[in-house]
Amino acid sequence: MDVFGVMIGLVLLFGIAALVLAVVGTVKAAKAVAAKVEKHEANARRAVETATLKAKTYTKVGPPAQIATVRLKLRTSLDGTRQVLEGGREQDGQLGESLALLTRLDAHAADLDGELRLLEREPDTARIAAKLPELRERAERITHAAETMRWAAQDRMHRFADDELSRLSQECESEAGALRHWDTGSAPGTGSAAGGAAGAAGAAGSSDGGAARAGLTDGKGRPSAEDLLGLADPLAKLAQRLRKPSAETSAGPSTGPSAG
């Protein structure tokens, strides 16, 4: 009974642990999905606000158009700087510190944008005229700070790209010199011996080739049809037999008159 009770307890513990892990995983997944949805929603809302500000700069006149222009310039400068810093952070870790500064700067920009939105709904034109220069001056300071970081990051990435290209060019030149090692890398004795051996081999090959070409063109050394068919010896013997009677016949009449 004790062993059975221990096994049941272990099974219950494993079941509870699995249930806890499943619940934790589900909660984390839900938080990740919620964060992604919230991020996309914020991006969509920001895109709509940017498009609205662009429309106001063309459709409004007077202080509303000026306020929309200040807000649009502030938003565009911060967005451009963030894109540059986030794009180069993987190659340069120091840009992470710049992103932290940009986050603090973005908080000031958000406060200023809220004041500008309130000023858009202000019915008193005199108050708008009094407050707008101060708010525009703050926006220019924030914009200048963001642009300074963006330009510095761009110059830094350009400099790193130039340095990397210079190192790569030097490595390519070194590799090209290594590939041309036959110009200066071989020893004189070895090169001459190899050249002599190659020359001798070439001469032998040319002599063999010349002999072969001579045999093919002038017929010297080429076997006859009788040799190829194995009829050379029988034909020679037959020719000798045919010559004997003719020789005896020609010898008979010549001896008769001399005898007489």
C-alpha atoms as a PDB file:
ATOM      1  CA  MET A   1       0.000   0.000   0.000  1.00  0.00           C
ATOM      2  CA  ASP A   2       2.840   2.417   0.790  1.00  0.00           C
ATOM      3  CA  VAL A   3       4.472   1.923  -2.633  1.00  0.00           C
ATOM      4  CA  PHE A   4       1.141   2.320  -4.349  1.00  0.00           C
ATOM      5  CA  GLY A   5       0.454   5.537  -2.441  1.00  0.00           C
ATOM      6  CA  VAL A   6       3.890   6.918  -3.358  1.00  0.00           C
ATOM      7  CA  MET A   7       3.303   6.193  -7.047  1.00  0.00           C
ATOM      8  CA  ILE A   8      -0.075   7.922  -6.935  1.00  0.00           C
ATOM      9  CA  GLY A   9       1.538  10.924  -5.241  1.00  0.00           C
ATOM     10  CA  LEU A  10       4.261  11.137  -7.904  1.00  0.00           C
ATOM     11  CA  VAL A  11       1.683  10.920 -10.679  1.00  0.00           C
ATOM     12  CA  LEU A  12      -0.321  13.710  -9.051  1.00  0.00           C
ATOM     13  CA  LEU A  13       2.804  15.856  -8.690  1.00  0.00           C
ATOM     14  CA  PHE A  14       3.749  15.341 -12.350  1.00  0.00           C
ATOM     15  CA  GLY A  15       0.185  16.163 -13.392  1.00  0.00           C
ATOM     16  CA  ILE A  16       0.142  19.358 -11.317  1.00  0.00           C
ATOM     17  CA  ALA A  17       3.554  20.389 -12.687  1.00  0.00           C
ATOM     18  CA  ALA A  18       2.421  19.812 -16.261  1.00  0.00           C
ATOM     19  CA  LEU A  19      -0.753  21.798 -15.622  1.00  0.00           C
ATOM     20  CA  VAL A  20       1.226  24.695 -14.133  1.00  0.00           C
ATOM     21  CA  LEU A  21       3.639  24.698 -17.091  1.00  0.00           C
ATOM     22  CA  ALA A  22       0.730  24.676 -19.531  1.00  0.00           C
ATOM     23  CA  VAL A  23      -0.934  27.593 -17.726  1.00  0.00           C
ATOM     24  CA  VAL A  24       2.334  29.584 -17.648  1.00  0.00           C
ATOM     25  CA  GLY A  25       2.952  28.909 -21.331  1.00  0.00           C
ATOM     26  CA  THR A  26      -0.562  29.964 -22.238  1.00  0.00           C
ATOM     27  CA  VAL A  27      -0.250  33.180 -20.249  1.00  0.00           C
ATOM     28  CA  LYS A  28       3.089  34.035 -21.861  1.00  0.00           C
ATOM     29  CA  ALA A  29       1.735  33.327 -25.328  1.00  0.00           C
ATOM     30  CA  ALA A  30      -1.321  35.474 -24.646  1.00  0.00           C
ATOM     31  CA  LYS A  31       0.880  38.326 -23.404  1.00  0.00           C
ATOM     32  CA  ALA A  32       3.104  38.062 -26.484  1.00  0.00           C
ATOM     33  CA  VAL A  33       0.101  38.143 -28.806  1.00  0.00           C
ATOM     34  CA  ALA A  34      -1.404  41.061 -26.903  1.00  0.00           C
ATOM     35  CA  ALA A  35       1.879  42.989 -27.086  1.00  0.00           C
ATOM     36  CA  LYS A  36       2.149  42.348 -30.815  1.00  0.00           C
ATOM     37  CA  VAL A  37      -1.434  43.431 -31.385  1.00  0.00           C
ATOM     38  CA  GLU A  38      -0.902  46.529 -29.268  1.00  0.00           C
ATOM     39  CA  LYS A  39       2.250  47.383 -31.212  1.00  0.00           C
ATOM     40  CA  HIS A  40       0.492  47.023 -34.551  1.00  0.00           C
ATOM     41  CA  GLU A  41      -2.416  49.057 -33.249  1.00  0.00           C
ATOM     42  CA  ALA A  42      -0.091  51.819 -32.065  1.00  0.00           C
ATOM     43  CA  ASN A  43       1.701  51.857 -35.418  1.00  0.00           C
ATOM     44  CA  ALA A  44      -1.601  52.027 -37.273  1.00  0.00           C
ATOM     45  CA  ARG A  45      -2.847  54.834 -35.012  1.00  0.00           C
ATOM     46  CA  ARG A  46       0.405  56.746 -35.497  1.00  0.00           C
ATOM     47  CA  ALA A  47       0.186  56.339 -39.282  1.00  0.00           C
ATOM     48  CA  VAL A  48      -3.371  57.683 -39.246  1.00  0.00           C
ATOM     49  CA  GLU A  49      -2.342  60.662 -37.107  1.00  0.00           C
ATOM     50  CA  THR A  50       0.576  61.421 -39.433  1.00  0.00           C
ATOM     51  CA  ALA A  51      -1.695  61.331 -42.481  1.00  0.00           C
ATOM     52  CA  THR A  52      -4.171  63.613 -40.681  1.00  0.00           C
ATOM     53  CA  LEU A  53      -1.431  66.119 -39.865  1.00  0.00           C
ATOM     54  CA  LYS A  54      -0.262  66.133 -43.481  1.00  0.00           C
ATOM     55  CA  ALA A  55      -3.830  66.831 -44.583  1.00  0.00           C
ATOM     56  CA  LYS A  56      -4.146  69.694 -42.076  1.00  0.00           C
ATOM     57  CA  THR A  57      -1.002  71.377 -43.372  1.00  0.00           C
ATOM     58  CA  TYR A  58      -2.662  71.620 -46.807  1.00  0.00           C
ATOM     59  CA  THR A  59      -6.273  72.259 -45.821  1.00  0.00           C
ATOM     60  CA  LYS A  60      -5.936  74.557 -42.791  1.00  0.00           C
ATOM     61  CA  VAL A  61      -4.748  78.143 -42.695  1.00  0.00           C
ATOM     62  CA  GLY A  62      -3.392  80.355 -39.967  1.00  0.00           C
ATOM     63  CA  PRO A  63      -2.458  78.995 -36.504  1.00  0.00           C
ATOM     64  CA  PRO A  64      -4.013  75.510 -37.025  1.00  0.00           C
ATOM     65  CA  ALA A  65      -1.828  74.963 -40.072  1.00  0.00           C
ATOM     66  CA  GLN A  66       1.247  76.209 -38.197  1.00  0.00           C
ATOM     67  CA  ILE A  67       0.558  73.890 -35.254  1.00  0.00           C
ATOM     68  CA  ALA A  68       0.040  70.924 -37.591  1.00  0.00           C
ATOM     69  CA  THR A  69       3.337  71.718 -39.327  1.00  0.00           C
ATOM     70  CA  VAL A  70       5.216  71.779 -36.013  1.00  0.00           C
ATOM     71  CA  ARG A  71       3.673  68.497 -34.907  1.00  0.00           C
ATOM     72  CA  LEU A  72       4.374  66.803 -38.249  1.00  0.00           C
ATOM     73  CA  LYS A  73       8.015  67.910 -38.308  1.00  0.00           C
ATOM     74  CA  LEU A  74       8.538  66.727 -34.732  1.00  0.00           C
ATOM     75  CA  ARG A  75       6.954  63.346 -35.410  1.00  0.00           C
ATOM     76  CA  THR A  76       8.817  62.809 -38.708  1.00  0.00           C
ATOM     77  CA  SER A  77      12.210  63.636 -37.188  1.00  0.00           C
ATOM     78  CA  LEU A  78      11.798  61.229 -34.274  1.00  0.00           C
ATOM     79  CA  ASP A  79      10.470  58.430 -36.467  1.00  0.00           C
ATOM     80  CA  GLY A  80      13.355  58.773 -38.936  1.00  0.00           C
ATOM     81  CA  THR A  81      15.950  58.747 -36.155  1.00  0.00           C
ATOM     82  CA  ARG A  82      14.395  55.678 -34.542  1.00  0.00           C
ATOM     83  CA  GLN A  83      14.424  53.776 -37.833  1.00  0.00           C
ATOM     84  CA  VAL A  84      18.115  54.553 -38.399  1.00  0.00           C
ATOM     85  CA  LEU A  85      19.166  53.580 -34.874  1.00  0.00           C
ATOM     86  CA  GLU A  86      17.122  50.380 -34.784  1.00  0.00           C
ATOM     87  CA  GLY A  87      18.380  49.384 -38.238  1.00  0.00           C
ATOM     88  CA  GLY A  88      22.052  49.685 -37.229  1.00  0.00           C
ATOM     89  CA  ARG A  89      21.828  48.335 -33.685  1.00  0.00           C
ATOM     90  CA  GLU A  90      22.530  44.742 -34.754  1.00  0.00           C
ATOM     91  CA  GLN A  91      25.852  45.734 -36.359  1.00  0.00           C
ATOM     92  CA  ASP A  92      26.828  48.358 -33.760  1.00  0.00           C
ATOM     93  CA  GLY A  93      25.942  47.791 -30.128  1.00  0.00           C
ATOM     94  CA  GLN A  94      26.744  51.379 -29.167  1.00  0.00           C
ATOM     95  CA  LEU A  95      23.612  52.525 -30.956  1.00  0.00           C
ATOM     96  CA  GLY A  96      21.635  50.945 -28.125  1.00  0.00           C
ATOM     97  CA  GLU A  97      22.696  53.830 -25.866  1.00  0.00           C
ATOM     98  CA  SER A  98      21.535  56.266 -28.532  1.00  0.00           C
ATOM     99  CA  LEU A  99      18.177  54.486 -28.594  1.00  0.00           C
ATOM    100  CA  ALA A 100      17.874  54.945 -24.829  1.00  0.00           C
ATOM    101  CA  LEU A 101      18.489  58.685 -25.227  1.00  0.00           C
ATOM    102  CA  LEU A 102      15.976  58.801 -28.062  1.00  0.00           C
ATOM    103  CA  THR A 103      13.379  57.161 -25.814  1.00  0.00           C
ATOM    104  CA  ARG A 104      13.847  59.905 -23.233  1.00  0.00           C
ATOM    105  CA  LEU A 105      13.686  62.518 -25.982  1.00  0.00           C
ATOM    106  CA  ASP A 106      10.519  60.905 -27.323  1.00  0.00           C
ATOM    107  CA  ALA A 107       8.886  61.294 -23.909  1.00  0.00           C
ATOM    108  CA  HIS A 108       9.508  65.067 -24.032  1.00  0.00           C
ATOM    109  CA  ALA A 109       8.185  65.106 -27.598  1.00  0.00           C
ATOM    110  CA  ALA A 110       5.013  63.307 -26.472  1.00  0.00           C
ATOM    111  CA  ASP A 111       4.423  65.938 -23.761  1.00  0.00           C
ATOM    112  CA  LEU A 112       4.986  68.720 -26.285  1.00  0.00           C
ATOM    113  CA  ASP A 113       2.648  67.084 -28.790  1.00  0.00           C
ATOM    114  CA  GLY A 114      -0.065  66.943 -26.126  1.00  0.00           C
ATOM    115  CA  GLU A 115       0.326  70.679 -25.462  1.00  0.00           C
ATOM    116  CA  LEU A 116       0.151  71.373 -29.187  1.00  0.00           C
ATOM    117  CA  ARG A 117      -3.063  69.333 -29.496  1.00  0.00           C
ATOM    118  CA  LEU A 118      -4.591  71.374 -26.668  1.00  0.00           C
ATOM    119  CA  LEU A 119      -3.499  74.558 -28.380  1.00  0.00           C
ATOM    120  CA  GLU A 120      -5.271  73.440 -31.579  1.00  0.00           C
ATOM    121  CA  ARG A 121      -8.580  73.455 -29.705  1.00  0.00           C
ATOM    122  CA  GLU A 122      -7.931  76.840 -28.096  1.00  0.00           C
ATOM    123  CA  PRO A 123     -10.544  79.344 -29.294  1.00  0.00           C
ATOM    124  CA  ASP A 124      -8.562  82.400 -28.206  1.00  0.00           C
ATOM    125  CA  THR A 125      -6.284  83.380 -31.078  1.00  0.00           C
ATOM    126  CA  ALA A 126      -4.332  85.762 -28.858  1.00  0.00           C
ATOM    127  CA  ARG A 127      -3.348  82.949 -26.541  1.00  0.00           C
ATOM    128  CA  ILE A 128      -2.376  80.798 -29.530  1.00  0.00           C
ATOM    129  CA  ALA A 129      -0.165  83.569 -30.862  1.00  0.00           C
ATOM    130  CA  ALA A 130       1.469  83.926 -27.421  1.00  0.00           C
ATOM    131  CA  LYS A 131       2.084  80.230 -26.771  1.00  0.00           C
ATOM    132  CA  LEU A 132       3.000  79.012 -30.260  1.00  0.00           C
ATOM    133  CA  PRO A 133       6.516  80.581 -30.476  1.00  0.00           C
ATOM    134  CA  GLU A 134       7.533  78.957 -27.188  1.00  0.00           C
ATOM    135  CA  LEU A 135       6.200  75.566 -28.220  1.00  0.00           C
ATOM    136  CA  ARG A 136       7.825  75.870 -31.670  1.00  0.00           C
ATOM    137  CA  GLU A 137      11.173  76.664 -30.031  1.00  0.00           C
ATOM    138  CA  ARG A 138      10.914  73.534 -27.839  1.00  0.00           C
ATOM    139  CA  ALA A 139       9.993  71.451 -30.879  1.00  0.00           C
ATOM    140  CA  GLU A 140      13.029  72.770 -32.768  1.00  0.00           C
ATOM    141  CA  ARG A 141      15.325  71.812 -29.881  1.00  0.00           C
ATOM    142  CA  ILE A 142      13.920  68.278 -29.789  1.00  0.00           C
ATOM    143  CA  THR A 143      14.084  67.993 -33.568  1.00  0.00           C
ATOM    144  CA  HIS A 144      17.674  69.219 -33.657  1.00  0.00           C
ATOM    145  CA  ALA A 145      18.714  66.709 -30.978  1.00  0.00           C
ATOM    146  CA  ALA A 146      17.059  63.843 -32.871  1.00  0.00           C
ATOM    147  CA  GLU A 147      18.568  64.903 -36.178  1.00  0.00           C
ATOM    148  CA  THR A 148      22.030  65.216 -34.612  1.00  0.00           C
ATOM    149  CA  MET A 149      21.881  61.623 -33.393  1.00  0.00           C
ATOM    150  CA  ARG A 150      20.538  60.412 -36.748  1.00  0.00           C
ATOM    151  CA  TRP A 151      23.250  62.141 -38.755  1.00  0.00           C
ATOM    152  CA  ALA A 152      25.967  60.930 -36.365  1.00  0.00           C
ATOM    153  CA  ALA A 153      24.688  57.347 -36.633  1.00  0.00           C
ATOM    154  CA  GLN A 154      24.617  57.571 -40.427  1.00  0.00           C
ATOM    155  CA  ASP A 155      28.181  58.933 -40.515  1.00  0.00           C
ATOM    156  CA  ARG A 156      29.299  56.192 -38.133  1.00  0.00           C
ATOM    157  CA  MET A 157      27.772  53.429 -40.252  1.00  0.00           C
ATOM    158  CA  HIS A 158      29.251  54.982 -43.409  1.00  0.00           C
ATOM    159  CA  ARG A 159      32.698  55.104 -41.808  1.00  0.00           C
ATOM    160  CA  PHE A 160      32.466  51.494 -40.670  1.00  0.00           C
ATOM    161  CA  ALA A 161      31.394  50.466 -44.162  1.00  0.00           C
ATOM    162  CA  ASP A 162      34.401  52.283 -45.676  1.00  0.00           C
ATOM    163  CA  ASP A 163      36.813  50.654 -43.213  1.00  0.00           C
ATOM    164  CA  GLU A 164      35.360  47.228 -43.886  1.00  0.00           C
ATOM    165  CA  LEU A 165      35.594  47.805 -47.630  1.00  0.00           C
ATOM    166  CA  SER A 166      39.250  48.869 -47.306  1.00  0.00           C
ATOM    167  CA  ARG A 167      40.110  45.744 -45.317  1.00  0.00           C
ATOM    168  CA  LEU A 168      38.238  43.581 -47.787  1.00  0.00           C
ATOM    169  CA  SER A 169      40.073  45.172 -50.718  1.00  0.00           C
ATOM    170  CA  GLN A 170      43.447  44.479 -49.073  1.00  0.00           C
ATOM    171  CA  GLU A 171      42.483  40.859 -48.428  1.00  0.00           C
ATOM    172  CA  CYS A 172      41.406  40.465 -52.060  1.00  0.00           C
ATOM    173  CA  GLU A 173      44.734  41.881 -53.269  1.00  0.00           C
ATOM    174  CA  SER A 174      46.645  39.504 -50.981  1.00  0.00           C
ATOM    175  CA  GLU A 175      44.615  36.572 -52.261  1.00  0.00           C
ATOM    176  CA  ALA A 176      45.261  37.637 -55.858  1.00  0.00           C
ATOM    177  CA  GLY A 177      49.011  37.698 -55.132  1.00  0.00           C
ATOM    178  CA  ALA A 178      48.797  34.222 -53.633  1.00  0.00           C
ATOM    179  CA  LEU A 179      46.987  32.958 -56.718  1.00  0.00           C
ATOM    180  CA  ARG A 180      49.835  34.284 -58.901  1.00  0.00           C
ATOM    181  CA  HIS A 181      52.507  32.315 -57.002  1.00  0.00           C
ATOM    182  CA  TRP A 182      53.812  30.700 -60.199  1.00  0.00           C
ATOM    183  CA  ASP A 183      55.411  34.004 -61.210  1.00  0.00           C
ATOM    184  CA  THR A 184      57.863  34.222 -58.276  1.00  0.00           C
ATOM    185  CA  GLY A 185      57.150  31.261 -56.021  1.00  0.00           C
ATOM    186  CA  SER A 186      58.899  28.485 -57.976  1.00  0.00           C
ATOM    187  CA  ALA A 187      62.662  27.905 -57.563  1.00  0.00           C
ATOM    188  CA  PRO A 188      64.939  28.537 -60.608  1.00  0.00           C
ATOM    189  CA  GLY A 189      66.435  25.030 -60.621  1.00  0.00           C
ATOM    190  CA  THR A 190      63.089  23.389 -60.276  1.00  0.00           C
ATOM    191  CA  GLY A 191      61.605  25.545 -62.991  1.00  0.00           C
ATOM    192  CA  SER A 192      64.461  24.838 -65.427  1.00  0.00           C
ATOM    193  CA  ALA A 193      64.376  21.118 -64.720  1.00  0.00           C
ATOM    194  CA  ALA A 194      60.628  21.054 -65.155  1.00  0.00           C
ATOM    195  CA  GLY A 195      60.997  23.078 -68.352  1.00  0.00           C
ATOM    196  CA  GLY A 196      63.674  20.670 -69.664  1.00  0.00           C
ATOM    197  CA  ALA A 197      61.561  17.655 -68.876  1.00  0.00           C
ATOM    198  CA  ALA A 198      58.560  19.270 -70.491  1.00  0.00           C
ATOM    199  CA  GLY A 199      60.672  20.129 -73.564  1.00  0.00           C
ATOM    200  CA  ALA A 200      61.978  16.578 -73.864  1.00  0.00           C
ATOM    201  CA  ALA A 201      58.510  15.157 -73.516  1.00  0.00           C
ATOM    202  CA  GLY A 202      57.259  17.586 -76.135  1.00  0.00           C
ATOM    203  CA  ALA A 203      60.083  16.654 -78.533  1.00  0.00           C
ATOM    204  CA  ALA A 204      59.427  12.947 -78.103  1.00  0.00           C
ATOM    205  CA  GLY A 205      55.746  13.495 -78.648  1.00  0.00           C
ATOM    206  CA  SER A 206      56.428  15.592 -81.749  1.00  0.00           C
ATOM    207  CA  SER A 207      58.790  12.951 -83.184  1.00  0.00           C
ATOM    208  CA  ASP A 208      56.254  10.210 -82.612  1.00  0.00           C
ATOM    209  CA  GLY A 209      53.552  12.323 -84.095  1.00  0.00           C
ATOM    210  CA  GLY A 210      55.724  13.134 -87.112  1.00  0.00           C
ATOM    211  CA  ALA A 211      56.419   9.457 -87.771  1.00  0.00           C
ATOM    212  CA  ALA A 212      52.782   8.626 -87.508  1.00  0.00           C
ATOM    213  CA  ARG A 213      51.845  11.436 -89.843  1.00  0.00           C
ATOM    214  CA  ALA A 214      54.523  10.349 -92.378  1.00  0.00           C
ATOM    215  CA  GLY A 215      53.197   6.793 -92.397  1.00  0.00           C
ATOM    216  CA  LEU A 216      49.682   7.992 -92.966  1.00  0.00           C
ATOM    217  CA  THR A 217      50.503  10.389 -95.775  1.00  0.00           C
ATOM    218  CA  ASP A 218      53.172   8.621 -97.857  1.00  0.00           C
ATOM    219  CA  GLY A 219      52.257   4.981 -97.244  1.00  0.00           C
ATOM    220  CA  LYS A 220      55.613   4.005 -95.684  1.00  0.00           C
ATOM    221  CA  GLY A 221      55.394   1.366 -93.039  1.00  0.00           C
ATOM    222  CA  ARG A 222      51.721   0.745 -93.767  1.00  0.00           C
ATOM    223  CA  PRO A 223      50.854  -3.036 -94.117  1.00  0.00           C
ATOM    224  CA  SER A 224      49.599  -4.258 -97.478  1.00  0.00           C
ATOM    225  CA  ALA A 225      46.341  -6.028 -98.133  1.00  0.00           C
ATOM    226  CA  GLU A 226      48.160  -9.377 -98.613  1.00  0.00           C
ATOM    227  CA  ASP A 227      49.829  -9.028 -95.200  1.00  0.00           C
ATOM    228  CA  LEU A 228      46.536  -8.225 -93.572  1.00  0.00           C
ATOM    229  CA  LEU A 229      44.858 -11.288 -95.215  1.00  0.00           C
ATOM    230  CA  GLY A 230      47.796 -13.647 -94.564  1.00  0.00           C
ATOM    231  CA  LEU A 231      48.340 -14.364 -98.311  1.00  0.00           C
ATOM    232  CA  ALA A 232      51.830 -12.941 -98.715  1.00  0.00           C
ATOM    233  CA  ASP A 233      53.762 -16.270 -98.484  1.00  0.00           C
ATOM    234  CA  PRO A 234      51.408 -18.394-100.700  1.00  0.00           C
ATOM    235  CA  LEU A 235      51.421 -15.753-103.402  1.00  0.00           C
ATOM    236  CA  ALA A 236      55.210 -15.564-103.365  1.00  0.00           C
ATOM    237  CA  LYS A 237      55.498 -19.330-103.726  1.00  0.00           C
ATOM    238  CA  LEU A 238      52.974 -19.345-106.559  1.00  0.00           C
ATOM    239  CA  ALA A 239      54.937 -16.652-108.367  1.00  0.00           C
ATOM    240  CA  GLN A 240      58.139 -18.689-108.095  1.00  0.00           C
ATOM    241  CA  ARG A 241      56.451 -21.768-109.544  1.00  0.00           C
ATOM    242  CA  LEU A 242      55.090 -19.770-112.449  1.00  0.00           C
ATOM    243  CA  ARG A 243      58.515 -18.368-113.232  1.00  0.00           C
ATOM    244  CA  LYS A 244      60.291 -21.772-113.500  1.00  0.00           C
ATOM    245  CA  PRO A 245      58.637 -23.093-116.727  1.00  0.00           C
ATOM    246  CA  SER A 246      59.101 -19.835-118.526  1.00  0.00           C
ATOM    247  CA  ALA A 247      62.773 -19.807-117.568  1.00  0.00           C
ATOM    248  CA  GLU A 248      63.322 -23.383-118.821  1.00  0.00           C
ATOM    249  CA  THR A 249      61.498 -22.632-122.072  1.00  0.00           C
ATOM    250  CA  SER A 250      63.620 -19.622-122.788  1.00  0.00           C
ATOM    251  CA  ALA A 251      66.805 -21.549-121.957  1.00  0.00           C
ATOM    252  CA  GLY A 252      66.010 -24.537-124.385  1.00  0.00           C
ATOM    253  CA  PRO A 253      66.070 -22.758-127.748  1.00  0.00           C
ATOM    254  CA  SER A 254      69.166 -20.806-126.905  1.00  0.00           C
ATOM    255  CA  THR A 255      71.246 -23.923-126.234  1.00  0.00           C
ATOM    256  CA  GLY A 256      70.141 -25.741-129.459  1.00  0.00           C
ATOM    257  CA  PRO A 257      71.904 -23.512-132.039  1.00  0.00           C
ATOM    258  CA  SER A 258      75.047 -23.261-129.986  1.00  0.00           C
ATOM    259  CA  ALA A 259      75.273 -27.025-129.904  1.00  0.00           C
ATOM    260  CA  GLY A 260      74.821 -27.253-133.655  1.00  0.00           C
END
